[in-house]
Amino acid sequence: MIRNLFLTTLTSLILLGNVFATASLRDDKDKEVKIKTSAICGMCKARIERNLAFEKGVKESSLDVKTKIVTIKYNPAKTDVARLKANISKVGYDAEEVPADEVGYNKLPSCCKKTSTMNHQ
């Protein structure tokens, strides 16, 4: 009887340990990447962040307009850096070595284009 109780308790502890180990592995899944863009202003910031929000696996994104760097937290099981750069490019902005998609770039307001001489924040 005591032996059965001991084995039941030991088995329960092992199973419980596995549950916590698995949960902690899931918590460590998210990654963060910083991508240099050609964004210029607050409108650019809103456009990039809004489009990244629709990308599967993106948890959050934030563009620092001064440095032109977007910081993205994402789930690597659902997306990767290449897809994130492609998303930014498709919206019309450079994403490091990935140039802005021509169609997306042509849809940008003139003030958000790289050749803009307007200064706005």
PDB file of N, CA and C in Angstrom:
ATOM      1  N   MET A   1       0.821  -1.191   0.000  1.00  0.00           N
ATOM      2  CA  MET A   1       0.000   0.000   0.000  1.00  0.00           C
ATOM      3  C   MET A   1       0.866   1.257   0.000  1.00  0.00           C
ATOM      4  N   ILE A   2       1.845   1.309   0.894  1.00  0.00           N
ATOM      5  CA  ILE A   2       2.757   2.453   0.949  1.00  0.00           C
ATOM      6  C   ILE A   2       3.578   2.523  -0.336  1.00  0.00           C
ATOM      7  N   ARG A   3       3.943   1.353  -0.837  1.00  0.00           N
ATOM      8  CA  ARG A   3       4.714   1.316  -2.076  1.00  0.00           C
ATOM      9  C   ARG A   3       3.890   1.883  -3.226  1.00  0.00           C
ATOM     10  N   ASN A   4       2.621   1.537  -3.323  1.00  0.00           N
ATOM     11  CA  ASN A   4       1.744   2.062  -4.366  1.00  0.00           C
ATOM     12  C   ASN A   4       1.583   3.580  -4.244  1.00  0.00           C
ATOM     13  N   LEU A   5       1.429   4.056  -3.026  1.00  0.00           N
ATOM     14  CA  LEU A   5       1.316   5.492  -2.787  1.00  0.00           C
ATOM     15  C   LEU A   5       2.599   6.203  -3.205  1.00  0.00           C
ATOM     16  N   PHE A   6       3.730   5.614  -2.857  1.00  0.00           N
ATOM     17  CA  PHE A   6       5.022   6.175  -3.241  1.00  0.00           C
ATOM     18  C   PHE A   6       5.158   6.242  -4.763  1.00  0.00           C
ATOM     19  N   LEU A   7       4.827   5.153  -5.454  1.00  0.00           N
ATOM     20  CA  LEU A   7       4.922   5.121  -6.916  1.00  0.00           C
ATOM     21  C   LEU A   7       3.962   6.110  -7.571  1.00  0.00           C
ATOM     22  N   THR A   8       2.779   6.223  -7.040  1.00  0.00           N
ATOM     23  CA  THR A   8       1.806   7.179  -7.565  1.00  0.00           C
ATOM     24  C   THR A   8       2.308   8.609  -7.395  1.00  0.00           C
ATOM     25  N   THR A   9       2.844   8.917  -6.237  1.00  0.00           N
ATOM     26  CA  THR A   9       3.385  10.246  -5.969  1.00  0.00           C
ATOM     27  C   THR A   9       4.574  10.537  -6.874  1.00  0.00           C
ATOM     28  N   LEU A  10       5.471   9.573  -7.015  1.00  0.00           N
ATOM     29  CA  LEU A  10       6.647   9.749  -7.862  1.00  0.00           C
ATOM     30  C   LEU A  10       6.238   9.964  -9.314  1.00  0.00           C
ATOM     31  N   THR A  11       5.304   9.177  -9.793  1.00  0.00           N
ATOM     32  CA  THR A  11       4.817   9.322 -11.167  1.00  0.00           C
ATOM     33  C   THR A  11       4.175  10.693 -11.367  1.00  0.00           C
ATOM     34  N   SER A  12       3.400  11.136 -10.400  1.00  0.00           N
ATOM     35  CA  SER A  12       2.749  12.447 -10.488  1.00  0.00           C
ATOM     36  C   SER A  12       3.781  13.566 -10.554  1.00  0.00           C
ATOM     37  N   LEU A  13       4.811  13.474  -9.744  1.00  0.00           N
ATOM     38  CA  LEU A  13       5.859  14.491  -9.759  1.00  0.00           C
ATOM     39  C   LEU A  13       6.602  14.522 -11.085  1.00  0.00           C
ATOM     40  N   ILE A  14       6.870  13.355 -11.645  1.00  0.00           N
ATOM     41  CA  ILE A  14       7.561  13.290 -12.946  1.00  0.00           C
ATOM     42  C   ILE A  14       6.693  13.917 -14.032  1.00  0.00           C
ATOM     43  N   LEU A  15       5.422  13.568 -14.056  1.00  0.00           N
ATOM     44  CA  LEU A  15       4.503  14.132 -15.051  1.00  0.00           C
ATOM     45  C   LEU A  15       4.357  15.636 -14.881  1.00  0.00           C
ATOM     46  N   LEU A  16       4.236  16.079 -13.645  1.00  0.00           N
ATOM     47  CA  LEU A  16       4.111  17.503 -13.372  1.00  0.00           C
ATOM     48  C   LEU A  16       5.378  18.248 -13.811  1.00  0.00           C
ATOM     49  N   GLY A  17       6.526  17.664 -13.578  1.00  0.00           N
ATOM     50  CA  GLY A  17       7.791  18.254 -14.016  1.00  0.00           C
ATOM     51  C   GLY A  17       7.855  18.389 -15.526  1.00  0.00           C
ATOM     52  N   ASN A  18       7.359  17.387 -16.233  1.00  0.00           N
ATOM     53  CA  ASN A  18       7.341  17.444 -17.698  1.00  0.00           C
ATOM     54  C   ASN A  18       6.415  18.542 -18.201  1.00  0.00           C
ATOM     55  N   VAL A  19       5.292  18.730 -17.544  1.00  0.00           N
ATOM     56  CA  VAL A  19       4.356  19.781 -17.937  1.00  0.00           C
ATOM     57  C   VAL A  19       5.012  21.148 -17.781  1.00  0.00           C
ATOM     58  N   PHE A  20       5.678  21.378 -16.652  1.00  0.00           N
ATOM     59  CA  PHE A  20       6.348  22.659 -16.441  1.00  0.00           C
ATOM     60  C   PHE A  20       7.506  22.859 -17.407  1.00  0.00           C
ATOM     61  N   ALA A  21       8.243  21.809 -17.702  1.00  0.00           N
ATOM     62  CA  ALA A  21       9.357  21.916 -18.650  1.00  0.00           C
ATOM     63  C   ALA A  21       8.842  22.277 -20.035  1.00  0.00           C
ATOM     64  N   THR A  22       7.761  21.654 -20.454  1.00  0.00           N
ATOM     65  CA  THR A  22       7.175  21.952 -21.762  1.00  0.00           C
ATOM     66  C   THR A  22       6.646  23.374 -21.802  1.00  0.00           C
ATOM     67  N   ALA A  23       5.999  23.817 -20.747  1.00  0.00           N
ATOM     68  CA  ALA A  23       5.466  25.180 -20.692  1.00  0.00           C
ATOM     69  C   ALA A  23       6.593  26.201 -20.769  1.00  0.00           C
ATOM     70  N   SER A  24       7.693  25.947 -20.096  1.00  0.00           N
ATOM     71  CA  SER A  24       8.791  26.906 -20.132  1.00  0.00           C
ATOM     72  C   SER A  24       9.450  26.939 -21.506  1.00  0.00           C
ATOM     73  N   LEU A  25       9.449  25.827 -22.224  1.00  0.00           N
ATOM     74  CA  LEU A  25       9.981  25.838 -23.586  1.00  0.00           C
ATOM     75  C   LEU A  25       9.108  26.699 -24.486  1.00  0.00           C
ATOM     76  N   ARG A  26       7.798  26.622 -24.323  1.00  0.00           N
ATOM     77  CA  ARG A  26       6.882  27.433 -25.119  1.00  0.00           C
ATOM     78  C   ARG A  26       7.078  28.911 -24.825  1.00  0.00           C
ATOM     79  N   ASP A  27       7.338  29.262 -23.585  1.00  0.00           N
ATOM     80  CA  ASP A  27       7.519  30.657 -23.218  1.00  0.00           C
ATOM     81  C   ASP A  27       8.755  31.266 -23.872  1.00  0.00           C
ATOM     82  N   ASP A  28       9.744  30.450 -24.186  1.00  0.00           N
ATOM     83  CA  ASP A  28      10.991  30.946 -24.752  1.00  0.00           C
ATOM     84  C   ASP A  28      10.970  30.988 -26.277  1.00  0.00           C
ATOM     85  N   LYS A  29       9.824  30.723 -26.901  1.00  0.00           N
ATOM     86  CA  LYS A  29       9.759  30.655 -28.351  1.00  0.00           C
ATOM     87  C   LYS A  29       9.972  31.996 -29.046  1.00  0.00           C
ATOM     88  N   ASP A  30       9.380  33.055 -28.546  1.00  0.00           N
ATOM     89  CA  ASP A  30       9.424  34.335 -29.238  1.00  0.00           C
ATOM     90  C   ASP A  30      10.849  34.848 -29.402  1.00  0.00           C
ATOM     91  N   LYS A  31      11.076  35.460 -30.565  1.00  0.00           N
ATOM     92  CA  LYS A  31      12.374  36.068 -30.856  1.00  0.00           C
ATOM     93  C   LYS A  31      12.163  37.538 -31.169  1.00  0.00           C
ATOM     94  N   GLU A  32      13.259  38.269 -31.223  1.00  0.00           N
ATOM     95  CA  GLU A  32      13.207  39.688 -31.543  1.00  0.00           C
ATOM     96  C   GLU A  32      14.244  39.980 -32.617  1.00  0.00           C
ATOM     97  N   VAL A  33      13.861  40.812 -33.572  1.00  0.00           N
ATOM     98  CA  VAL A  33      14.783  41.210 -34.633  1.00  0.00           C
ATOM     99  C   VAL A  33      14.649  42.715 -34.844  1.00  0.00           C
ATOM    100  N   LYS A  34      15.746  43.358 -35.209  1.00  0.00           N
ATOM    101  CA  LYS A  34      15.755  44.779 -35.533  1.00  0.00           C
ATOM    102  C   LYS A  34      16.103  44.908 -37.009  1.00  0.00           C
ATOM    103  N   ILE A  35      15.261  45.627 -37.749  1.00  0.00           N
ATOM    104  CA  ILE A  35      15.435  45.769 -39.195  1.00  0.00           C
ATOM    105  C   ILE A  35      15.479  47.246 -39.542  1.00  0.00           C
ATOM    106  N   LYS A  36      16.528  47.643 -40.264  1.00  0.00           N
ATOM    107  CA  LYS A  36      16.687  49.030 -40.729  1.00  0.00           C
ATOM    108  C   LYS A  36      15.770  49.239 -41.929  1.00  0.00           C
ATOM    109  N   THR A  37      14.994  50.326 -41.884  1.00  0.00           N
ATOM    110  CA  THR A  37      14.049  50.623 -42.962  1.00  0.00           C
ATOM    111  C   THR A  37      14.370  51.973 -43.596  1.00  0.00           C
ATOM    112  N   SER A  38      13.572  52.339 -44.594  1.00  0.00           N
ATOM    113  CA  SER A  38      13.699  53.656 -45.219  1.00  0.00           C
ATOM    114  C   SER A  38      12.567  54.580 -44.776  1.00  0.00           C
ATOM    115  N   ALA A  39      11.937  54.265 -43.648  1.00  0.00           N
ATOM    116  CA  ALA A  39      10.830  55.072 -43.136  1.00  0.00           C
ATOM    117  C   ALA A  39      11.293  56.481 -42.802  1.00  0.00           C
ATOM    118  N   ILE A  40      10.368  57.437 -42.933  1.00  0.00           N
ATOM    119  CA  ILE A  40      10.717  58.837 -42.754  1.00  0.00           C
ATOM    120  C   ILE A  40       9.957  59.500 -41.596  1.00  0.00           C
ATOM    121  N   CYS A  41       8.683  59.132 -41.432  1.00  0.00           N
ATOM    122  CA  CYS A  41       7.836  59.902 -40.519  1.00  0.00           C
ATOM    123  C   CYS A  41       6.855  59.036 -39.740  1.00  0.00           C
ATOM    124  N   GLY A  42       6.000  59.699 -38.999  1.00  0.00           N
ATOM    125  CA  GLY A  42       4.978  59.021 -38.221  1.00  0.00           C
ATOM    126  C   GLY A  42       3.987  58.255 -39.085  1.00  0.00           C
ATOM    127  N   MET A  43       3.702  58.764 -40.276  1.00  0.00           N
ATOM    128  CA  MET A  43       2.808  58.041 -41.192  1.00  0.00           C
ATOM    129  C   MET A  43       3.458  56.734 -41.637  1.00  0.00           C
ATOM    130  N   CYS A  44       4.746  56.788 -41.886  1.00  0.00           N
ATOM    131  CA  CYS A  44       5.498  55.576 -42.254  1.00  0.00           C
ATOM    132  C   CYS A  44       5.444  54.572 -41.096  1.00  0.00           C
ATOM    133  N   LYS A  45       5.669  55.078 -39.897  1.00  0.00           N
ATOM    134  CA  LYS A  45       5.640  54.242 -38.689  1.00  0.00           C
ATOM    135  C   LYS A  45       4.307  53.518 -38.572  1.00  0.00           C
ATOM    136  N   ALA A  46       3.215  54.271 -38.703  1.00  0.00           N
ATOM    137  CA  ALA A  46       1.873  53.682 -38.581  1.00  0.00           C
ATOM    138  C   ALA A  46       1.640  52.628 -39.657  1.00  0.00           C
ATOM    139  N   ARG A  47       2.069  52.917 -40.876  1.00  0.00           N
ATOM    140  CA  ARG A  47       1.843  52.002 -41.997  1.00  0.00           C
ATOM    141  C   ARG A  47       2.627  50.696 -41.796  1.00  0.00           C
ATOM    142  N   ILE A  48       3.893  50.787 -41.417  1.00  0.00           N
ATOM    143  CA  ILE A  48       4.721  49.590 -41.219  1.00  0.00           C
ATOM    144  C   ILE A  48       4.197  48.765 -40.052  1.00  0.00           C
ATOM    145  N   GLU A  49       3.926  49.410 -38.924  1.00  0.00           N
ATOM    146  CA  GLU A  49       3.447  48.687 -37.741  1.00  0.00           C
ATOM    147  C   GLU A  49       2.090  48.029 -37.994  1.00  0.00           C
ATOM    148  N   ARG A  50       1.209  48.729 -38.701  1.00  0.00           N
ATOM    149  CA  ARG A  50      -0.120  48.181 -38.999  1.00  0.00           C
ATOM    150  C   ARG A  50      -0.001  46.928 -39.888  1.00  0.00           C
ATOM    151  N   ASN A  51       0.830  46.997 -40.909  1.00  0.00           N
ATOM    152  CA  ASN A  51       0.972  45.854 -41.807  1.00  0.00           C
ATOM    153  C   ASN A  51       1.670  44.680 -41.136  1.00  0.00           C
ATOM    154  N   LEU A  52       2.642  44.948 -40.286  1.00  0.00           N
ATOM    155  CA  LEU A  52       3.297  43.861 -39.556  1.00  0.00           C
ATOM    156  C   LEU A  52       2.330  43.194 -38.584  1.00  0.00           C
ATOM    157  N   ALA A  53       1.375  43.949 -38.064  1.00  0.00           N
ATOM    158  CA  ALA A  53       0.395  43.384 -37.126  1.00  0.00           C
ATOM    159  C   ALA A  53      -0.443  42.286 -37.791  1.00  0.00           C
ATOM    160  N   PHE A  54      -0.587  42.353 -39.113  1.00  0.00           N
ATOM    161  CA  PHE A  54      -1.358  41.342 -39.843  1.00  0.00           C
ATOM    162  C   PHE A  54      -0.502  40.149 -40.266  1.00  0.00           C
ATOM    163  N   GLU A  55       0.804  40.236 -40.084  1.00  0.00           N
ATOM    164  CA  GLU A  55       1.715  39.135 -40.437  1.00  0.00           C
ATOM    165  C   GLU A  55       1.577  38.032 -39.394  1.00  0.00           C
ATOM    166  N   LYS A  56       1.308  36.825 -39.846  1.00  0.00           N
ATOM    167  CA  LYS A  56       1.153  35.690 -38.938  1.00  0.00           C
ATOM    168  C   LYS A  56       2.441  35.498 -38.126  1.00  0.00           C
ATOM    169  N   GLY A  57       2.295  35.385 -36.816  1.00  0.00           N
ATOM    170  CA  GLY A  57       3.437  35.143 -35.941  1.00  0.00           C
ATOM    171  C   GLY A  57       4.027  36.382 -35.312  1.00  0.00           C
ATOM    172  N   VAL A  58       3.655  37.570 -35.802  1.00  0.00           N
ATOM    173  CA  VAL A  58       4.184  38.806 -35.221  1.00  0.00           C
ATOM    174  C   VAL A  58       3.417  39.118 -33.949  1.00  0.00           C
ATOM    175  N   LYS A  59       4.159  39.264 -32.855  1.00  0.00           N
ATOM    176  CA  LYS A  59       3.563  39.573 -31.555  1.00  0.00           C
ATOM    177  C   LYS A  59       3.425  41.083 -31.374  1.00  0.00           C
ATOM    178  N   GLU A  60       4.469  41.816 -31.747  1.00  0.00           N
ATOM    179  CA  GLU A  60       4.436  43.278 -31.674  1.00  0.00           C
ATOM    180  C   GLU A  60       5.566  43.852 -32.514  1.00  0.00           C
ATOM    181  N   SER A  61       5.378  45.106 -32.916  1.00  0.00           N
ATOM    182  CA  SER A  61       6.425  45.803 -33.661  1.00  0.00           C
ATOM    183  C   SER A  61       6.403  47.272 -33.274  1.00  0.00           C
ATOM    184  N   SER A  62       7.575  47.879 -33.334  1.00  0.00           N
ATOM    185  CA  SER A  62       7.689  49.294 -32.997  1.00  0.00           C
ATOM    186  C   SER A  62       8.807  49.906 -33.841  1.00  0.00           C
ATOM    187  N   LEU A  63       8.460  50.942 -34.583  1.00  0.00           N
ATOM    188  CA  LEU A  63       9.441  51.622 -35.420  1.00  0.00           C
ATOM    189  C   LEU A  63       9.917  52.887 -34.728  1.00  0.00           C
ATOM    190  N   ASP A  64      11.218  53.027 -34.594  1.00  0.00           N
ATOM    191  CA  ASP A  64      11.824  54.261 -34.085  1.00  0.00           C
ATOM    192  C   ASP A  64      12.127  55.110 -35.312  1.00  0.00           C
ATOM    193  N   VAL A  65      11.369  56.175 -35.498  1.00  0.00           N
ATOM    194  CA  VAL A  65      11.491  56.991 -36.703  1.00  0.00           C
ATOM    195  C   VAL A  65      12.879  57.630 -36.816  1.00  0.00           C
ATOM    196  N   LYS A  66      13.460  58.056 -35.693  1.00  0.00           N
ATOM    197  CA  LYS A  66      14.779  58.706 -35.734  1.00  0.00           C
ATOM    198  C   LYS A  66      15.865  57.771 -36.271  1.00  0.00           C
ATOM    199  N   THR A  67      15.867  56.525 -35.805  1.00  0.00           N
ATOM    200  CA  THR A  67      16.895  55.576 -36.249  1.00  0.00           C
ATOM    201  C   THR A  67      16.458  54.778 -37.471  1.00  0.00           C
ATOM    202  N   LYS A  68      15.151  54.834 -37.783  1.00  0.00           N
ATOM    203  CA  LYS A  68      14.554  54.085 -38.895  1.00  0.00           C
ATOM    204  C   LYS A  68      14.608  52.572 -38.674  1.00  0.00           C
ATOM    205  N   ILE A  69      14.704  52.170 -37.415  1.00  0.00           N
ATOM    206  CA  ILE A  69      14.802  50.745 -37.085  1.00  0.00           C
ATOM    207  C   ILE A  69      13.490  50.270 -36.487  1.00  0.00           C
ATOM    208  N   VAL A  70      12.960  49.194 -37.073  1.00  0.00           N
ATOM    209  CA  VAL A  70      11.748  48.577 -36.539  1.00  0.00           C
ATOM    210  C   VAL A  70      12.170  47.352 -35.729  1.00  0.00           C
ATOM    211  N   THR A  71      11.677  47.277 -34.502  1.00  0.00           N
ATOM    212  CA  THR A  71      11.936  46.139 -33.624  1.00  0.00           C
ATOM    213  C   THR A  71      10.692  45.269 -33.649  1.00  0.00           C
ATOM    214  N   ILE A  72      10.888  43.991 -33.981  1.00  0.00           N
ATOM    215  CA  ILE A  72       9.761  43.079 -34.135  1.00  0.00           C
ATOM    216  C   ILE A  72       9.941  41.880 -33.216  1.00  0.00           C
ATOM    217  N   LYS A  73       8.919  41.601 -32.421  1.00  0.00           N
ATOM    218  CA  LYS A  73       8.881  40.372 -31.623  1.00  0.00           C
ATOM    219  C   LYS A  73       7.973  39.408 -32.368  1.00  0.00           C
ATOM    220  N   TYR A  74       8.474  38.187 -32.597  1.00  0.00           N
ATOM    221  CA  TYR A  74       7.719  37.238 -33.403  1.00  0.00           C
ATOM    222  C   TYR A  74       7.938  35.802 -32.953  1.00  0.00           C
ATOM    223  N   ASN A  75       7.054  34.928 -33.415  1.00  0.00           N
ATOM    224  CA  ASN A  75       7.142  33.500 -33.146  1.00  0.00           C
ATOM    225  C   ASN A  75       7.826  32.848 -34.345  1.00  0.00           C
ATOM    226  N   PRO A  76       9.047  32.328 -34.177  1.00  0.00           N
ATOM    227  CA  PRO A  76       9.787  31.756 -35.299  1.00  0.00           C
ATOM    228  C   PRO A  76       9.155  30.490 -35.879  1.00  0.00           C
ATOM    229  N   ALA A  77       8.197  29.905 -35.171  1.00  0.00           N
ATOM    230  CA  ALA A  77       7.493  28.743 -35.710  1.00  0.00           C
ATOM    231  C   ALA A  77       6.458  29.169 -36.756  1.00  0.00           C
ATOM    232  N   LYS A  78       6.107  30.451 -36.762  1.00  0.00           N
ATOM    233  CA  LYS A  78       5.071  30.934 -37.674  1.00  0.00           C
ATOM    234  C   LYS A  78       5.577  31.877 -38.747  1.00  0.00           C
ATOM    235  N   THR A  79       6.723  32.503 -38.552  1.00  0.00           N
ATOM    236  CA  THR A  79       7.289  33.403 -39.551  1.00  0.00           C
ATOM    237  C   THR A  79       8.793  33.460 -39.367  1.00  0.00           C
ATOM    238  N   ASP A  80       9.469  34.133 -40.275  1.00  0.00           N
ATOM    239  CA  ASP A  80      10.926  34.286 -40.162  1.00  0.00           C
ATOM    240  C   ASP A  80      11.339  35.678 -40.625  1.00  0.00           C
ATOM    241  N   VAL A  81      12.615  35.979 -40.471  1.00  0.00           N
ATOM    242  CA  VAL A  81      13.122  37.319 -40.782  1.00  0.00           C
ATOM    243  C   VAL A  81      12.922  37.654 -42.255  1.00  0.00           C
ATOM    244  N   ALA A  82      13.102  36.692 -43.147  1.00  0.00           N
ATOM    245  CA  ALA A  82      12.915  36.946 -44.580  1.00  0.00           C
ATOM    246  C   ALA A  82      11.479  37.381 -44.873  1.00  0.00           C
ATOM    247  N   ARG A  83      10.512  36.741 -44.250  1.00  0.00           N
ATOM    248  CA  ARG A  83       9.095  37.117 -44.453  1.00  0.00           C
ATOM    249  C   ARG A  83       8.803  38.494 -43.876  1.00  0.00           C
ATOM    250  N   LEU A  84       9.415  38.794 -42.737  1.00  0.00           N
ATOM    251  CA  LEU A  84       9.208  40.104 -42.120  1.00  0.00           C
ATOM    252  C   LEU A  84       9.765  41.206 -43.020  1.00  0.00           C
ATOM    253  N   LYS A  85      10.941  40.980 -43.578  1.00  0.00           N
ATOM    254  CA  LYS A  85      11.536  41.951 -44.512  1.00  0.00           C
ATOM    255  C   LYS A  85      10.679  42.079 -45.766  1.00  0.00           C
ATOM    256  N   ALA A  86      10.155  40.965 -46.263  1.00  0.00           N
ATOM    257  CA  ALA A  86       9.292  40.988 -47.452  1.00  0.00           C
ATOM    258  C   ALA A  86       8.024  41.793 -47.166  1.00  0.00           C
ATOM    259  N   ASN A  87       7.480  41.672 -45.951  1.00  0.00           N
ATOM    260  CA  ASN A  87       6.287  42.426 -45.564  1.00  0.00           C
ATOM    261  C   ASN A  87       6.567  43.921 -45.619  1.00  0.00           C
ATOM    262  N   ILE A  88       7.686  44.336 -45.049  1.00  0.00           N
ATOM    263  CA  ILE A  88       8.063  45.757 -45.039  1.00  0.00           C
ATOM    264  C   ILE A  88       8.283  46.248 -46.466  1.00  0.00           C
ATOM    265  N   SER A  89       8.943  45.443 -47.276  1.00  0.00           N
ATOM    266  CA  SER A  89       9.201  45.794 -48.670  1.00  0.00           C
ATOM    267  C   SER A  89       7.896  45.958 -49.447  1.00  0.00           C
ATOM    268  N   LYS A  90       6.976  45.048 -49.249  1.00  0.00           N
ATOM    269  CA  LYS A  90       5.705  45.080 -49.977  1.00  0.00           C
ATOM    270  C   LYS A  90       4.906  46.348 -49.666  1.00  0.00           C
ATOM    271  N   VAL A  91       5.079  46.871 -48.452  1.00  0.00           N
ATOM    272  CA  VAL A  91       4.397  48.102 -48.057  1.00  0.00           C
ATOM    273  C   VAL A  91       5.017  49.310 -48.763  1.00  0.00           C
ATOM    274  N   GLY A  92       6.248  49.159 -49.246  1.00  0.00           N
ATOM    275  CA  GLY A  92       6.887  50.242 -49.991  1.00  0.00           C
ATOM    276  C   GLY A  92       8.162  50.791 -49.390  1.00  0.00           C
ATOM    277  N   TYR A  93       8.729  50.081 -48.415  1.00  0.00           N
ATOM    278  CA  TYR A  93       9.931  50.562 -47.738  1.00  0.00           C
ATOM    279  C   TYR A  93      11.065  49.561 -47.897  1.00  0.00           C
ATOM    280  N   ASP A  94      12.298  50.079 -47.907  1.00  0.00           N
ATOM    281  CA  ASP A  94      13.463  49.203 -47.879  1.00  0.00           C
ATOM    282  C   ASP A  94      13.493  48.502 -46.524  1.00  0.00           C
ATOM    283  N   ALA A  95      13.961  47.260 -46.531  1.00  0.00           N
ATOM    284  CA  ALA A  95      14.142  46.504 -45.283  1.00  0.00           C
ATOM    285  C   ALA A  95      15.536  45.909 -45.352  1.00  0.00           C
ATOM    286  N   GLU A  96      16.510  46.701 -44.904  1.00  0.00           N
ATOM    287  CA  GLU A  96      17.929  46.364 -45.002  1.00  0.00           C
ATOM    288  C   GLU A  96      18.281  46.110 -46.460  1.00  0.00           C
ATOM    289  N   GLU A  97      18.736  44.876 -46.795  1.00  0.00           N
ATOM    290  CA  GLU A  97      19.175  44.599 -48.163  1.00  0.00           C
ATOM    291  C   GLU A  97      18.017  44.348 -49.135  1.00  0.00           C
ATOM    292  N   VAL A  98      16.803  44.266 -48.621  1.00  0.00           N
ATOM    293  CA  VAL A  98      15.625  44.029 -49.467  1.00  0.00           C
ATOM    294  C   VAL A  98      15.048  45.387 -49.877  1.00  0.00           C
ATOM    295  N   PRO A  99      15.121  45.708 -51.177  1.00  0.00           N
ATOM    296  CA  PRO A  99      14.613  47.015 -51.615  1.00  0.00           C
ATOM    297  C   PRO A  99      13.092  47.073 -51.568  1.00  0.00           C
ATOM    298  N   ALA A 100      12.584  48.278 -51.484  1.00  0.00           N
ATOM    299  CA  ALA A 100      11.134  48.493 -51.477  1.00  0.00           C
ATOM    300  C   ALA A 100      10.515  47.940 -52.750  1.00  0.00           C
ATOM    301  N   ASP A 101       9.382  47.273 -52.589  1.00  0.00           N
ATOM    302  CA  ASP A 101       8.614  46.780 -53.727  1.00  0.00           C
ATOM    303  C   ASP A 101       8.123  47.994 -54.518  1.00  0.00           C
ATOM    304  N   GLU A 102       8.305  47.971 -55.826  1.00  0.00           N
ATOM    305  CA  GLU A 102       7.966  49.125 -56.661  1.00  0.00           C
ATOM    306  C   GLU A 102       6.479  49.485 -56.582  1.00  0.00           C
ATOM    307  N   VAL A 103       5.615  48.490 -56.618  1.00  0.00           N
ATOM    308  CA  VAL A 103       4.172  48.747 -56.546  1.00  0.00           C
ATOM    309  C   VAL A 103       3.811  49.374 -55.201  1.00  0.00           C
ATOM    310  N   GLY A 104       4.336  48.821 -54.120  1.00  0.00           N
ATOM    311  CA  GLY A 104       4.074  49.373 -52.787  1.00  0.00           C
ATOM    312  C   GLY A 104       4.632  50.777 -52.643  1.00  0.00           C
ATOM    313  N   TYR A 105       5.831  50.987 -53.157  1.00  0.00           N
ATOM    314  CA  TYR A 105       6.472  52.298 -53.074  1.00  0.00           C
ATOM    315  C   TYR A 105       5.653  53.352 -53.822  1.00  0.00           C
ATOM    316  N   ASN A 106       5.153  52.988 -54.989  1.00  0.00           N
ATOM    317  CA  ASN A 106       4.365  53.936 -55.788  1.00  0.00           C
ATOM    318  C   ASN A 106       3.050  54.308 -55.122  1.00  0.00           C
ATOM    319  N   LYS A 107       2.547  53.480 -54.210  1.00  0.00           N
ATOM    320  CA  LYS A 107       1.305  53.768 -53.484  1.00  0.00           C
ATOM    321  C   LYS A 107       1.520  54.681 -52.288  1.00  0.00           C
ATOM    322  N   LEU A 108       2.775  54.875 -51.885  1.00  0.00           N
ATOM    323  CA  LEU A 108       3.059  55.728 -50.718  1.00  0.00           C
ATOM    324  C   LEU A 108       2.734  57.182 -51.030  1.00  0.00           C
ATOM    325  N   PRO A 109       2.302  57.940 -50.009  1.00  0.00           N
ATOM    326  CA  PRO A 109       2.146  59.391 -50.206  1.00  0.00           C
ATOM    327  C   PRO A 109       3.517  59.978 -50.559  1.00  0.00           C
ATOM    328  N   SER A 110       3.542  61.041 -51.322  1.00  0.00           N
ATOM    329  CA  SER A 110       4.823  61.608 -51.776  1.00  0.00           C
ATOM    330  C   SER A 110       5.730  61.990 -50.612  1.00  0.00           C
ATOM    331  N   CYS A 111       5.138  62.390 -49.481  1.00  0.00           N
ATOM    332  CA  CYS A 111       5.960  62.790 -48.333  1.00  0.00           C
ATOM    333  C   CYS A 111       6.678  61.604 -47.685  1.00  0.00           C
ATOM    334  N   CYS A 112       6.230  60.375 -47.964  1.00  0.00           N
ATOM    335  CA  CYS A 112       6.834  59.182 -47.364  1.00  0.00           C
ATOM    336  C   CYS A 112       7.860  58.515 -48.280  1.00  0.00           C
ATOM    337  N   LYS A 113       8.095  59.093 -49.433  1.00  0.00           N
ATOM    338  CA  LYS A 113       9.059  58.506 -50.367  1.00  0.00           C
ATOM    339  C   LYS A 113      10.469  58.979 -50.046  1.00  0.00           C
ATOM    340  N   LYS A 114      11.434  58.134 -50.354  1.00  0.00           N
ATOM    341  CA  LYS A 114      12.838  58.406 -50.018  1.00  0.00           C
ATOM    342  C   LYS A 114      13.326  59.712 -50.626  1.00  0.00           C
ATOM    343  N   THR A 115      12.755  60.112 -51.748  1.00  0.00           N
ATOM    344  CA  THR A 115      13.197  61.316 -52.435  1.00  0.00           C
ATOM    345  C   THR A 115      12.526  62.585 -51.907  1.00  0.00           C
ATOM    346  N   SER A 116      11.644  62.429 -50.903  1.00  0.00           N
ATOM    347  CA  SER A 116      10.915  63.568 -50.364  1.00  0.00           C
ATOM    348  C   SER A 116      11.871  64.573 -49.734  1.00  0.00           C
ATOM    349  N   THR A 117      11.614  65.853 -50.015  1.00  0.00           N
ATOM    350  CA  THR A 117      12.414  66.907 -49.401  1.00  0.00           C
ATOM    351  C   THR A 117      11.691  67.510 -48.197  1.00  0.00           C
ATOM    352  N   MET A 118      10.488  67.002 -47.934  1.00  0.00           N
ATOM    353  CA  MET A 118       9.722  67.499 -46.785  1.00  0.00           C
ATOM    354  C   MET A 118      10.332  66.969 -45.491  1.00  0.00           C
ATOM    355  N   ASN A 119      10.337  67.789 -44.478  1.00  0.00           N
ATOM    356  CA  ASN A 119      10.841  67.359 -43.168  1.00  0.00           C
ATOM    357  C   ASN A 119       9.649  67.314 -42.222  1.00  0.00           C
ATOM    358  N   HIS A 120       9.262  66.092 -41.825  1.00  0.00           N
ATOM    359  CA  HIS A 120       8.137  65.942 -40.919  1.00  0.00           C
ATOM    360  C   HIS A 120       8.390  64.812 -39.959  1.00  0.00           C
ATOM    361  N   GLN A 121       7.875  64.939 -38.761  1.00  0.00           N
ATOM    362  CA  GLN A 121       8.044  63.908 -37.727  1.00  0.00           C
ATOM    363  C   GLN A 121       6.727  63.531 -37.156  1.00  0.00           C
TER     364      GLN A 121
END
